PDB file of N, CA and C in Angstrom:
ATOM      1  N   MET A   1      69.865-100.967 -34.204  1.00  0.00           N
ATOM      2  CA  MET A   1      70.702-100.058 -33.433  1.00  0.00           C
ATOM      3  C   MET A   1      72.117-100.114 -34.098  1.00  0.00           C
ATOM      4  N   THR A   2      72.639 -99.071 -34.351  1.00  0.00           N
ATOM      5  CA  THR A   2      73.942 -98.919 -35.009  1.00  0.00           C
ATOM      6  C   THR A   2      74.736 -97.763 -34.362  1.00  0.00           C
ATOM      7  N   SER A   3      75.928 -97.688 -34.361  1.00  0.00           N
ATOM      8  CA  SER A   3      76.717 -96.516 -33.851  1.00  0.00           C
ATOM      9  C   SER A   3      76.377 -95.327 -34.782  1.00  0.00           C
ATOM     10  N   SER A   4      76.040 -95.467 -35.927  1.00  0.00           N
ATOM     11  CA  SER A   4      75.623 -94.309 -36.766  1.00  0.00           C
ATOM     12  C   SER A   4      74.292 -93.763 -36.184  1.00  0.00           C
ATOM     13  N   GLY A   5      73.431 -94.559 -35.722  1.00  0.00           N
ATOM     14  CA  GLY A   5      72.142 -94.078 -35.118  1.00  0.00           C
ATOM     15  C   GLY A   5      72.529 -93.455 -33.825  1.00  0.00           C
ATOM     16  N   ASP A   6      73.506 -93.861 -33.137  1.00  0.00           N
ATOM     17  CA  ASP A   6      73.796 -93.195 -31.919  1.00  0.00           C
ATOM     18  C   ASP A   6      74.477 -91.835 -32.150  1.00  0.00           C
ATOM     19  N   VAL A   7      75.256 -91.657 -33.238  1.00  0.00           N
ATOM     20  CA  VAL A   7      75.814 -90.366 -33.597  1.00  0.00           C
ATOM     21  C   VAL A   7      74.664 -89.474 -34.121  1.00  0.00           C
ATOM     22  N   TYR A   8      73.651 -89.965 -34.812  1.00  0.00           N
ATOM     23  CA  TYR A   8      72.555 -89.032 -35.148  1.00  0.00           C
ATOM     24  C   TYR A   8      71.743 -88.537 -33.870  1.00  0.00           C
ATOM     25  N   SER A   9      71.491 -89.495 -32.895  1.00  0.00           N
ATOM     26  CA  SER A   9      70.970 -89.073 -31.655  1.00  0.00           C
ATOM     27  C   SER A   9      71.703 -88.034 -30.926  1.00  0.00           C
ATOM     28  N   PHE A  10      72.949 -88.296 -30.967  1.00  0.00           N
ATOM     29  CA  PHE A  10      73.904 -87.291 -30.456  1.00  0.00           C
ATOM     30  C   PHE A  10      73.781 -85.870 -30.900  1.00  0.00           C
ATOM     31  N   GLY A  11      73.753 -85.866 -32.321  1.00  0.00           N
ATOM     32  CA  GLY A  11      73.586 -84.681 -33.100  1.00  0.00           C
ATOM     33  C   GLY A  11      72.322 -83.868 -32.764  1.00  0.00           C
ATOM     34  N   ILE A  12      71.213 -84.661 -32.578  1.00  0.00           N
ATOM     35  CA  ILE A  12      69.914 -84.021 -32.377  1.00  0.00           C
ATOM     36  C   ILE A  12      69.898 -83.456 -31.017  1.00  0.00           C
ATOM     37  N   LEU A  13      70.426 -84.362 -30.098  1.00  0.00           N
ATOM     38  CA  LEU A  13      70.462 -83.780 -28.564  1.00  0.00           C
ATOM     39  C   LEU A  13      71.387 -82.588 -28.526  1.00  0.00           C
ATOM     40  N   LEU A  14      72.404 -82.539 -29.181  1.00  0.00           N
ATOM     41  CA  LEU A  14      73.299 -81.395 -29.080  1.00  0.00           C
ATOM     42  C   LEU A  14      72.637 -80.075 -29.712  1.00  0.00           C
ATOM     43  N   LEU A  15      71.751 -80.384 -30.740  1.00  0.00           N
ATOM     44  CA  LEU A  15      70.997 -79.126 -31.311  1.00  0.00           C
ATOM     45  C   LEU A  15      69.931 -78.767 -30.365  1.00  0.00           C
ATOM     46  N   GLU A  16      69.278 -79.714 -29.773  1.00  0.00           N
ATOM     47  CA  GLU A  16      68.270 -79.363 -28.733  1.00  0.00           C
ATOM     48  C   GLU A  16      68.770 -78.651 -27.674  1.00  0.00           C
ATOM     49  N   VAL A  17      69.939 -79.040 -27.083  1.00  0.00           N
ATOM     50  CA  VAL A  17      70.553 -78.217 -25.963  1.00  0.00           C
ATOM     51  C   VAL A  17      70.978 -76.825 -26.469  1.00  0.00           C
ATOM     52  N   MET A  18      71.480 -76.704 -27.631  1.00  0.00           N
ATOM     53  CA  MET A  18      72.000 -75.399 -28.135  1.00  0.00           C
ATOM     54  C   MET A  18      70.930 -74.399 -28.537  1.00  0.00           C
ATOM     55  N   THR A  19      69.691 -74.953 -28.914  1.00  0.00           N
ATOM     56  CA  THR A  19      68.651 -74.181 -29.464  1.00  0.00           C
ATOM     57  C   THR A  19      67.479 -74.023 -28.403  1.00  0.00           C
ATOM     58  N   ARG A  20      67.536 -75.005 -27.477  1.00  0.00           N
ATOM     59  CA  ARG A  20      66.437 -75.104 -26.554  1.00  0.00           C
ATOM     60  C   ARG A  20      65.070 -75.308 -27.304  1.00  0.00           C
ATOM     61  N   LYS A  21      65.168 -76.063 -28.413  1.00  0.00           N
ATOM     62  CA  LYS A  21      64.028 -76.554 -29.121  1.00  0.00           C
ATOM     63  C   LYS A  21      63.929 -77.970 -29.234  1.00  0.00           C
ATOM     64  N   LYS A  22      62.855 -78.487 -29.203  1.00  0.00           N
ATOM     65  CA  LYS A  22      62.661 -79.991 -29.298  1.00  0.00           C
ATOM     66  C   LYS A  22      62.264 -80.347 -30.764  1.00  0.00           C
ATOM     67  N   PRO A  23      62.812 -81.449 -31.284  1.00  0.00           N
ATOM     68  CA  PRO A  23      62.551 -81.694 -32.651  1.00  0.00           C
ATOM     69  C   PRO A  23      61.053 -82.123 -32.909  1.00  0.00           C
ATOM     70  N   THR A  24      60.252 -82.294 -31.816  1.00  0.00           N
ATOM     71  CA  THR A  24      58.892 -82.478 -32.122  1.00  0.00           C
ATOM     72  C   THR A  24      58.074 -81.251 -31.947  1.00  0.00           C
ATOM     73  N   SER A  25      58.621 -79.984 -31.795  1.00  0.00           N
ATOM     74  CA  SER A  25      58.061 -78.774 -31.642  1.00  0.00           C
ATOM     75  C   SER A  25      57.083 -78.439 -32.811  1.00  0.00           C
ATOM     76  N   ASP A  26      55.965 -77.703 -32.468  1.00  0.00           N
ATOM     77  CA  ASP A  26      55.002 -77.347 -33.539  1.00  0.00           C
ATOM     78  C   ASP A  26      55.517 -76.603 -34.617  1.00  0.00           C
ATOM     79  N   ILE A  27      56.738 -75.861 -34.338  1.00  0.00           N
ATOM     80  CA  ILE A  27      57.322 -74.885 -35.348  1.00  0.00           C
ATOM     81  C   ILE A  27      57.893 -75.830 -36.525  1.00  0.00           C
ATOM     82  N   PHE A  28      58.150 -77.157 -36.298  1.00  0.00           N
ATOM     83  CA  PHE A  28      58.807 -77.906 -37.270  1.00  0.00           C
ATOM     84  C   PHE A  28      57.664 -78.678 -38.090  1.00  0.00           C
ATOM     85  N   ASN A  29      57.307 -77.949 -39.088  1.00  0.00           N
ATOM     86  CA  ASN A  29      56.359 -78.614 -40.009  1.00  0.00           C
ATOM     87  C   ASN A  29      56.707 -78.255 -41.463  1.00  0.00           C
ATOM     88  N   GLU A  30      55.931 -78.740 -42.430  1.00  0.00           N
ATOM     89  CA  GLU A  30      56.205 -78.407 -43.811  1.00  0.00           C
ATOM     90  C   GLU A  30      57.624 -78.562 -44.292  1.00  0.00           C
ATOM     91  N   GLY A  31      58.408 -79.633 -43.835  1.00  0.00           N
ATOM     92  CA  GLY A  31      59.555 -79.862 -44.104  1.00  0.00           C
ATOM     93  C   GLY A  31      60.671 -79.172 -43.386  1.00  0.00           C
ATOM     94  N   LEU A  32      60.342 -78.331 -42.355  1.00  0.00           N
ATOM     95  CA  LEU A  32      61.194 -77.822 -41.583  1.00  0.00           C
ATOM     96  C   LEU A  32      61.643 -78.747 -40.306  1.00  0.00           C
ATOM     97  N   SER A  33      62.759 -78.905 -39.987  1.00  0.00           N
ATOM     98  CA  SER A  33      63.098 -79.727 -38.968  1.00  0.00           C
ATOM     99  C   SER A  33      64.154 -78.961 -38.061  1.00  0.00           C
ATOM    100  N   LEU A  34      64.574 -79.497 -36.945  1.00  0.00           N
ATOM    101  CA  LEU A  34      65.503 -78.986 -36.061  1.00  0.00           C
ATOM    102  C   LEU A  34      66.911 -79.066 -36.920  1.00  0.00           C
ATOM    103  N   HIS A  35      67.196 -80.045 -37.505  1.00  0.00           N
ATOM    104  CA  HIS A  35      68.375 -80.170 -38.309  1.00  0.00           C
ATOM    105  C   HIS A  35      68.396 -79.021 -39.480  1.00  0.00           C
ATOM    106  N   LYS A  36      67.410 -78.842 -40.116  1.00  0.00           N
ATOM    107  CA  LYS A  36      67.344 -77.887 -41.207  1.00  0.00           C
ATOM    108  C   LYS A  36      67.477 -76.523 -40.572  1.00  0.00           C
ATOM    109  N   LEU A  37      66.751 -76.184 -39.481  1.00  0.00           N
ATOM    110  CA  LEU A  37      66.926 -74.939 -38.904  1.00  0.00           C
ATOM    111  C   LEU A  37      68.190 -74.501 -38.512  1.00  0.00           C
ATOM    112  N   ALA A  38      68.952 -75.423 -37.914  1.00  0.00           N
ATOM    113  CA  ALA A  38      70.455 -75.250 -37.538  1.00  0.00           C
ATOM    114  C   ALA A  38      71.311 -75.150 -38.737  1.00  0.00           C
ATOM    115  N   SER A  39      71.010 -75.992 -39.798  1.00  0.00           N
ATOM    116  CA  SER A  39      71.687 -75.972 -40.952  1.00  0.00           C
ATOM    117  C   SER A  39      71.628 -74.646 -41.696  1.00  0.00           C
ATOM    118  N   MET A  40      70.389 -73.992 -41.746  1.00  0.00           N
ATOM    119  CA  MET A  40      70.093 -72.772 -42.502  1.00  0.00           C
ATOM    120  C   MET A  40      70.839 -71.689 -41.846  1.00  0.00           C
ATOM    121  N   ALA A  41      70.975 -71.852 -40.455  1.00  0.00           N
ATOM    122  CA  ALA A  41      71.485 -70.669 -39.635  1.00  0.00           C
ATOM    123  C   ALA A  41      73.110 -70.657 -39.858  1.00  0.00           C
ATOM    124  N   LEU A  42      73.716 -71.631 -40.351  1.00  0.00           N
ATOM    125  CA  LEU A  42      75.226 -71.694 -40.585  1.00  0.00           C
ATOM    126  C   LEU A  42      75.636 -70.786 -41.716  1.00  0.00           C
ATOM    127  N   PRO A  43      76.669 -70.141 -41.635  1.00  0.00           N
ATOM    128  CA  PRO A  43      77.553 -69.822 -40.310  1.00  0.00           C
ATOM    129  C   PRO A  43      77.055 -68.528 -39.773  1.00  0.00           C
ATOM    130  N   ASP A  44      76.372 -67.701 -40.592  1.00  0.00           N
ATOM    131  CA  ASP A  44      76.187 -66.248 -40.296  1.00  0.00           C
ATOM    132  C   ASP A  44      74.953 -66.000 -39.192  1.00  0.00           C
ATOM    133  N   HIS A  45      74.187 -66.965 -39.076  1.00  0.00           N
ATOM    134  CA  HIS A  45      73.017 -66.628 -38.305  1.00  0.00           C
ATOM    135  C   HIS A  45      72.683 -67.431 -36.991  1.00  0.00           C
ATOM    136  N   VAL A  46      73.827 -68.159 -36.644  1.00  0.00           N
ATOM    137  CA  VAL A  46      73.845 -69.086 -35.598  1.00  0.00           C
ATOM    138  C   VAL A  46      73.210 -68.406 -34.273  1.00  0.00           C
ATOM    139  N   THR A  47      73.714 -67.182 -34.013  1.00  0.00           N
ATOM    140  CA  THR A  47      73.165 -66.466 -32.779  1.00  0.00           C
ATOM    141  C   THR A  47      71.664 -66.365 -32.862  1.00  0.00           C
ATOM    142  N   ASP A  48      71.079 -66.355 -34.012  1.00  0.00           N
ATOM    143  CA  ASP A  48      69.565 -66.176 -34.034  1.00  0.00           C
ATOM    144  C   ASP A  48      68.952 -67.570 -33.539  1.00  0.00           C
ATOM    145  N   VAL A  49      69.549 -68.627 -33.717  1.00  0.00           N
ATOM    146  CA  VAL A  49      68.889 -69.864 -33.224  1.00  0.00           C
ATOM    147  C   VAL A  49      69.341 -70.422 -31.869  1.00  0.00           C
ATOM    148  N   ILE A  50      70.364 -69.839 -31.322  1.00  0.00           N
ATOM    149  CA  ILE A  50      71.002 -70.325 -30.099  1.00  0.00           C
ATOM    150  C   ILE A  50      70.045 -69.820 -29.035  1.00  0.00           C
ATOM    151  N   ASP A  51      69.941 -70.633 -27.939  1.00  0.00           N
ATOM    152  CA  ASP A  51      69.262 -70.282 -26.792  1.00  0.00           C
ATOM    153  C   ASP A  51      70.076 -69.110 -26.111  1.00  0.00           C
ATOM    154  N   VAL A  52      69.281 -68.015 -25.918  1.00  0.00           N
ATOM    155  CA  VAL A  52      69.797 -66.845 -25.448  1.00  0.00           C
ATOM    156  C   VAL A  52      70.341 -66.872 -24.036  1.00  0.00           C
ATOM    157  N   ASN A  53      70.006 -67.939 -23.330  1.00  0.00           N
ATOM    158  CA  ASN A  53      70.729 -68.145 -21.895  1.00  0.00           C
ATOM    159  C   ASN A  53      72.127 -68.611 -22.028  1.00  0.00           C
ATOM    160  N   ILE A  54      72.485 -69.207 -23.204  1.00  0.00           N
ATOM    161  CA  ILE A  54      73.785 -69.577 -23.401  1.00  0.00           C
ATOM    162  C   ILE A  54      74.727 -68.385 -23.496  1.00  0.00           C
ATOM    163  N   LEU A  55      74.267 -67.401 -24.263  1.00  0.00           N
ATOM    164  CA  LEU A  55      74.978 -66.141 -24.448  1.00  0.00           C
ATOM    165  C   LEU A  55      75.007 -65.419 -23.182  1.00  0.00           C
ATOM    166  N   ASN A  56      73.975 -65.354 -22.429  1.00  0.00           N
ATOM    167  CA  ASN A  56      74.004 -64.575 -21.182  1.00  0.00           C
ATOM    168  C   ASN A  56      75.049 -64.971 -20.115  1.00  0.00           C
ATOM    169  N   ILE A  57      75.270 -66.261 -20.191  1.00  0.00           N
ATOM    170  CA  ILE A  57      76.279 -66.815 -19.397  1.00  0.00           C
ATOM    171  C   ILE A  57      77.644 -66.118 -19.554  1.00  0.00           C
ATOM    172  N   TYR A  58      77.940 -65.797 -20.765  1.00  0.00           N
ATOM    173  CA  TYR A  58      79.217 -65.232 -21.017  1.00  0.00           C
ATOM    174  C   TYR A  58      79.141 -63.662 -20.846  1.00  0.00           C
ATOM    175  N   TYR A  59      78.111 -63.147 -21.202  1.00  0.00           N
ATOM    176  CA  TYR A  59      77.873 -61.693 -21.295  1.00  0.00           C
ATOM    177  C   TYR A  59      77.949 -61.059 -19.873  1.00  0.00           C
ATOM    178  N   GLU A  60      77.580 -61.905 -18.849  1.00  0.00           N
ATOM    179  CA  GLU A  60      77.580 -61.486 -17.478  1.00  0.00           C
ATOM    180  C   GLU A  60      78.736 -61.724 -16.694  1.00  0.00           C
ATOM    181  N   ASP A  61      79.864 -62.267 -17.451  1.00  0.00           N
ATOM    182  CA  ASP A  61      81.158 -62.622 -16.689  1.00  0.00           C
ATOM    183  C   ASP A  61      82.074 -61.483 -16.871  1.00  0.00           C
ATOM    184  N   GLU A  62      82.752 -61.160 -15.719  1.00  0.00           N
ATOM    185  CA  GLU A  62      83.660 -59.940 -15.652  1.00  0.00           C
ATOM    186  C   GLU A  62      84.843 -60.181 -16.748  1.00  0.00           C
ATOM    187  N   ASN A  63      85.365 -61.483 -16.660  1.00  0.00           N
ATOM    188  CA  ASN A  63      86.586 -61.714 -17.469  1.00  0.00           C
ATOM    189  C   ASN A  63      86.156 -61.524 -19.086  1.00  0.00           C
ATOM    190  N   PHE A  64      84.919 -61.904 -19.394  1.00  0.00           N
ATOM    191  CA  PHE A  64      84.443 -61.597 -20.794  1.00  0.00           C
ATOM    192  C   PHE A  64      84.607 -60.128 -21.126  1.00  0.00           C
ATOM    193  N   MET A  65      84.032 -59.291 -20.205  1.00  0.00           N
ATOM    194  CA  MET A  65      83.861 -57.944 -20.484  1.00  0.00           C
ATOM    195  C   MET A  65      85.337 -57.075 -20.563  1.00  0.00           C
ATOM    196  N   GLN A  66      86.305 -57.863 -20.062  1.00  0.00           N
ATOM    197  CA  GLN A  66      87.675 -57.071 -20.158  1.00  0.00           C
ATOM    198  C   GLN A  66      88.062 -57.044 -21.635  1.00  0.00           C
ATOM    199  N   ASN A  67      87.782 -57.906 -22.448  1.00  0.00           N
ATOM    200  CA  ASN A  67      88.097 -57.866 -23.861  1.00  0.00           C
ATOM    201  C   ASN A  67      87.000 -58.343 -24.681  1.00  0.00           C
ATOM    202  N   LYS A  68      85.818 -57.610 -24.404  1.00  0.00           N
ATOM    203  CA  LYS A  68      84.595 -57.921 -25.062  1.00  0.00           C
ATOM    204  C   LYS A  68      84.452 -58.317 -26.541  1.00  0.00           C
ATOM    205  N   GLU A  69      85.021 -57.406 -27.326  1.00  0.00           N
ATOM    206  CA  GLU A  69      85.001 -57.827 -28.737  1.00  0.00           C
ATOM    207  C   GLU A  69      85.660 -59.057 -29.215  1.00  0.00           C
ATOM    208  N   ALA A  70      86.841 -59.181 -28.695  1.00  0.00           N
ATOM    209  CA  ALA A  70      87.583 -60.373 -29.027  1.00  0.00           C
ATOM    210  C   ALA A  70      87.082 -61.640 -28.480  1.00  0.00           C
ATOM    211  N   ASN A  71      86.448 -61.486 -27.260  1.00  0.00           N
ATOM    212  CA  ASN A  71      85.850 -62.720 -26.695  1.00  0.00           C
ATOM    213  C   ASN A  71      84.495 -63.091 -27.396  1.00  0.00           C
ATOM    214  N   ALA A  72      83.817 -62.023 -27.773  1.00  0.00           N
ATOM    215  CA  ALA A  72      82.566 -62.302 -28.443  1.00  0.00           C
ATOM    216  C   ALA A  72      82.811 -63.020 -29.775  1.00  0.00           C
ATOM    217  N   LYS A  73      83.886 -62.769 -30.464  1.00  0.00           N
ATOM    218  CA  LYS A  73      84.262 -63.432 -31.685  1.00  0.00           C
ATOM    219  C   LYS A  73      84.503 -64.923 -31.385  1.00  0.00           C
ATOM    220  N   ILE A  74      85.331 -65.160 -30.332  1.00  0.00           N
ATOM    221  CA  ILE A  74      85.702 -66.591 -30.003  1.00  0.00           C
ATOM    222  C   ILE A  74      84.366 -67.321 -29.596  1.00  0.00           C
ATOM    223  N   ILE A  75      83.518 -66.798 -28.896  1.00  0.00           N
ATOM    224  CA  ILE A  75      82.390 -67.343 -28.536  1.00  0.00           C
ATOM    225  C   ILE A  75      81.624 -67.678 -29.731  1.00  0.00           C
ATOM    226  N   GLU A  76      81.260 -66.687 -30.551  1.00  0.00           N
ATOM    227  CA  GLU A  76      80.596 -67.059 -31.833  1.00  0.00           C
ATOM    228  C   GLU A  76      81.091 -68.108 -32.680  1.00  0.00           C
ATOM    229  N   GLU A  77      82.575 -68.191 -32.816  1.00  0.00           N
ATOM    230  CA  GLU A  77      83.119 -69.245 -33.562  1.00  0.00           C
ATOM    231  C   GLU A  77      82.859 -70.591 -32.868  1.00  0.00           C
ATOM    232  N   CYS A  78      82.914 -70.606 -31.547  1.00  0.00           N
ATOM    233  CA  CYS A  78      82.615 -71.821 -30.852  1.00  0.00           C
ATOM    234  C   CYS A  78      81.139 -72.271 -30.961  1.00  0.00           C
ATOM    235  N   LEU A  79      80.284 -71.311 -31.056  1.00  0.00           N
ATOM    236  CA  LEU A  79      78.866 -71.617 -31.286  1.00  0.00           C
ATOM    237  C   LEU A  79      78.627 -72.234 -32.669  1.00  0.00           C
ATOM    238  N   VAL A  80      79.285 -71.591 -33.686  1.00  0.00           N
ATOM    239  CA  VAL A  80      79.230 -72.161 -35.029  1.00  0.00           C
ATOM    240  C   VAL A  80      79.690 -73.472 -35.151  1.00  0.00           C
ATOM    241  N   THR A  81      80.768 -73.668 -34.541  1.00  0.00           N
ATOM    242  CA  THR A  81      81.454 -75.058 -34.631  1.00  0.00           C
ATOM    243  C   THR A  81      80.590 -76.126 -33.875  1.00  0.00           C
ATOM    244  N   THR A  82      79.954 -75.791 -32.698  1.00  0.00           N
ATOM    245  CA  THR A  82      79.156 -76.609 -32.047  1.00  0.00           C
ATOM    246  C   THR A  82      77.826 -77.021 -32.901  1.00  0.00           C
ATOM    247  N   ILE A  83      77.210 -76.070 -33.465  1.00  0.00           N
ATOM    248  CA  ILE A  83      76.004 -76.262 -34.387  1.00  0.00           C
ATOM    249  C   ILE A  83      76.537 -77.084 -35.576  1.00  0.00           C
ATOM    250  N   LYS A  84      77.795 -76.881 -36.129  1.00  0.00           N
ATOM    251  CA  LYS A  84      78.196 -77.633 -37.299  1.00  0.00           C
ATOM    252  C   LYS A  84      78.374 -79.051 -36.769  1.00  0.00           C
ATOM    253  N   ILE A  85      78.787 -79.260 -35.675  1.00  0.00           N
ATOM    254  CA  ILE A  85      78.892 -80.692 -35.220  1.00  0.00           C
ATOM    255  C   ILE A  85      77.490 -81.363 -35.076  1.00  0.00           C
ATOM    256  N   GLY A  86      76.599 -80.593 -34.477  1.00  0.00           N
ATOM    257  CA  GLY A  86      75.155 -81.165 -34.366  1.00  0.00           C
ATOM    258  C   GLY A  86      74.587 -81.410 -35.717  1.00  0.00           C
ATOM    259  N   VAL A  87      74.754 -80.534 -36.723  1.00  0.00           N
ATOM    260  CA  VAL A  87      74.296 -80.689 -38.152  1.00  0.00           C
ATOM    261  C   VAL A  87      74.917 -81.894 -38.750  1.00  0.00           C
ATOM    262  N   SER A  88      76.275 -81.925 -38.551  1.00  0.00           N
ATOM    263  CA  SER A  88      76.971 -83.108 -39.263  1.00  0.00           C
ATOM    264  C   SER A  88      76.535 -84.413 -38.602  1.00  0.00           C
ATOM    265  N   CYS A  89      76.430 -84.459 -37.300  1.00  0.00           N
ATOM    266  CA  CYS A  89      75.997 -85.670 -36.714  1.00  0.00           C
ATOM    267  C   CYS A  89      74.661 -86.184 -37.052  1.00  0.00           C
ATOM    268  N   SER A  90      73.749 -85.247 -37.310  1.00  0.00           N
ATOM    269  CA  SER A  90      72.389 -85.551 -37.565  1.00  0.00           C
ATOM    270  C   SER A  90      71.984 -85.421 -39.013  1.00  0.00           C
ATOM    271  N   ASP A  91      73.003 -85.685 -39.905  1.00  0.00           N
ATOM    272  CA  ASP A  91      72.754 -85.728 -41.329  1.00  0.00           C
ATOM    273  C   ASP A  91      71.977 -86.910 -41.669  1.00  0.00           C
ATOM    274  N   ASP A  92      71.010 -86.744 -42.659  1.00  0.00           N
ATOM    275  CA  ASP A  92      70.150 -87.668 -43.054  1.00  0.00           C
ATOM    276  C   ASP A  92      70.795 -89.084 -43.678  1.00  0.00           C
ATOM    277  N   PHE A  93      72.029 -88.814 -44.240  1.00  0.00           N
ATOM    278  CA  PHE A  93      72.803 -89.867 -44.955  1.00  0.00           C
ATOM    279  C   PHE A  93      73.795 -90.330 -43.978  1.00  0.00           C
ATOM    280  N   PRO A  94      73.769 -91.537 -43.351  1.00  0.00           N
ATOM    281  CA  PRO A  94      74.724 -92.016 -42.275  1.00  0.00           C
ATOM    282  C   PRO A  94      76.185 -91.794 -42.721  1.00  0.00           C
ATOM    283  N   PRO A  95      76.658 -92.232 -43.906  1.00  0.00           N
ATOM    284  CA  PRO A  95      77.988 -92.060 -44.185  1.00  0.00           C
ATOM    285  C   PRO A  95      78.600 -90.611 -44.157  1.00  0.00           C
ATOM    286  N   HIS A  96      77.759 -89.655 -44.204  1.00  0.00           N
ATOM    287  CA  HIS A  96      78.030 -88.269 -44.127  1.00  0.00           C
ATOM    288  C   HIS A  96      78.124 -87.747 -42.799  1.00  0.00           C
ATOM    289  N   ARG A  97      77.752 -88.538 -41.770  1.00  0.00           N
ATOM    290  CA  ARG A  97      77.858 -88.099 -40.309  1.00  0.00           C
ATOM    291  C   ARG A  97      79.204 -88.107 -39.770  1.00  0.00           C
ATOM    292  N   MET A  98      79.511 -87.178 -38.923  1.00  0.00           N
ATOM    293  CA  MET A  98      80.729 -86.987 -38.312  1.00  0.00           C
ATOM    294  C   MET A  98      81.215 -88.146 -37.484  1.00  0.00           C
ATOM    295  N   ASN A  99      82.422 -88.533 -37.546  1.00  0.00           N
ATOM    296  CA  ASN A  99      83.003 -89.610 -36.704  1.00  0.00           C
ATOM    297  C   ASN A  99      83.027 -89.152 -35.328  1.00  0.00           C
ATOM    298  N   MET A 100      82.659 -89.927 -34.305  1.00  0.00           N
ATOM    299  CA  MET A 100      82.714 -89.552 -32.923  1.00  0.00           C
ATOM    300  C   MET A 100      84.107 -89.139 -32.452  1.00  0.00           C
ATOM    301  N   LYS A 101      85.143 -89.694 -32.989  1.00  0.00           N
ATOM    302  CA  LYS A 101      86.550 -89.311 -32.598  1.00  0.00           C
ATOM    303  C   LYS A 101      86.712 -87.813 -33.017  1.00  0.00           C
ATOM    304  N   LYS A 102      86.306 -87.418 -34.127  1.00  0.00           N
ATOM    305  CA  LYS A 102      86.401 -86.032 -34.600  1.00  0.00           C
ATOM    306  C   LYS A 102      85.501 -85.200 -33.802  1.00  0.00           C
ATOM    307  N   VAL A 103      84.278 -85.689 -33.480  1.00  0.00           N
ATOM    308  CA  VAL A 103      83.375 -84.878 -32.540  1.00  0.00           C
ATOM    309  C   VAL A 103      84.103 -84.451 -31.232  1.00  0.00           C
ATOM    310  N   VAL A 104      84.720 -85.477 -30.627  1.00  0.00           N
ATOM    311  CA  VAL A 104      85.507 -85.285 -29.361  1.00  0.00           C
ATOM    312  C   VAL A 104      86.598 -84.313 -29.446  1.00  0.00           C
ATOM    313  N   GLN A 105      87.261 -84.504 -30.616  1.00  0.00           N
ATOM    314  CA  GLN A 105      88.410 -83.547 -30.893  1.00  0.00           C
ATOM    315  C   GLN A 105      87.848 -82.109 -30.982  1.00  0.00           C
ATOM    316  N   GLU A 106      86.880 -81.973 -31.717  1.00  0.00           N
ATOM    317  CA  GLU A 106      86.341 -80.689 -31.974  1.00  0.00           C
ATOM    318  C   GLU A 106      85.825 -80.095 -30.626  1.00  0.00           C
ATOM    319  N   LEU A 107      85.056 -80.901 -29.848  1.00  0.00           N
ATOM    320  CA  LEU A 107      84.509 -80.440 -28.617  1.00  0.00           C
ATOM    321  C   LEU A 107      85.647 -80.043 -27.661  1.00  0.00           C
ATOM    322  N   HIS A 108      86.825 -80.718 -27.563  1.00  0.00           N
ATOM    323  CA  HIS A 108      87.974 -80.371 -26.949  1.00  0.00           C
ATOM    324  C   HIS A 108      88.554 -79.071 -27.269  1.00  0.00           C
ATOM    325  N   HIS A 109      88.570 -78.795 -28.542  1.00  0.00           N
ATOM    326  CA  HIS A 109      89.143 -77.613 -29.000  1.00  0.00           C
ATOM    327  C   HIS A 109      88.235 -76.420 -28.767  1.00  0.00           C
ATOM    328  N   ILE A 110      86.908 -76.533 -28.787  1.00  0.00           N
ATOM    329  CA  ILE A 110      85.956 -75.678 -28.253  1.00  0.00           C
ATOM    330  C   ILE A 110      86.238 -75.267 -26.756  1.00  0.00           C
ATOM    331  N   LEU A 111      86.347 -76.420 -25.971  1.00  0.00           N
ATOM    332  CA  LEU A 111      86.487 -76.191 -24.588  1.00  0.00           C
ATOM    333  C   LEU A 111      87.832 -75.408 -24.353  1.00  0.00           C
ATOM    334  N   GLY A 112      88.863 -75.818 -25.027  1.00  0.00           N
ATOM    335  CA  GLY A 112      90.114 -75.109 -24.896  1.00  0.00           C
ATOM    336  C   GLY A 112      89.925 -73.516 -25.217  1.00  0.00           C
ATOM    337  N   SER A 113      89.210 -73.130 -26.315  1.00  0.00           N
ATOM    338  CA  SER A 113      88.974 -71.852 -26.625  1.00  0.00           C
ATOM    339  C   SER A 113      88.235 -71.021 -25.669  1.00  0.00           C
ATOM    340  N   LEU A 114      87.227 -71.720 -25.037  1.00  0.00           N
ATOM    341  CA  LEU A 114      86.338 -70.946 -24.111  1.00  0.00           C
ATOM    342  C   LEU A 114      87.133 -70.772 -22.817  1.00  0.00           C
ATOM    343  N   GLN A 115      87.903 -71.713 -22.478  1.00  0.00           N
ATOM    344  CA  GLN A 115      88.750 -71.690 -21.225  1.00  0.00           C
ATOM    345  C   GLN A 115      89.757 -70.482 -21.313  1.00  0.00           C
ATOM    346  N   ASN A 116      90.213 -70.065 -22.341  1.00  0.00           N
ATOM    347  CA  ASN A 116      91.084 -68.941 -22.596  1.00  0.00           C
ATOM    348  C   ASN A 116      90.363 -67.578 -22.472  1.00  0.00           C
ATOM    349  N   ILE A 117      89.151 -67.582 -22.330  1.00  0.00           N
ATOM    350  CA  ILE A 117      88.448 -66.155 -22.290  1.00  0.00           C
ATOM    351  C   ILE A 117      88.682 -65.725 -20.826  1.00  0.00           C
TER     352      ILE A 117
END
C-alpha cells in the first residue's frame, strides 16, 4: 500500500464516474483499458466517452441556456481537464502520476469555472 497506489485508485474511480464504465467491463480486452479509452479521447473526443447524463445536467439548466455557446465551451474544457486528471492519476508508471495537491488545485479550478455558469 502506497500513496501512489491511492492516486492510481482515485484516477480509475474518477474515470469510472465520468464515463460510467467499469474497468472490468467486457469492452476492455485486447489491450484496451479504461485508462487507454480515456487517454485516446483526449482532448478532442472527450464528449464521446463521457456519461451522457453528466452533459444533460447542464443542458437542462436555464442559466446554461442563456449563454449556451460560451457555457458549452467551459463545460467541455472542464470535462477535458477532469479526464486528464483521471488519466494522469492512473498512469502505469507511478512517478508520472499527478500529485494529489495538484489534483485538488485542478478540481477547485474546475469547480470555480462551473460555478460561474
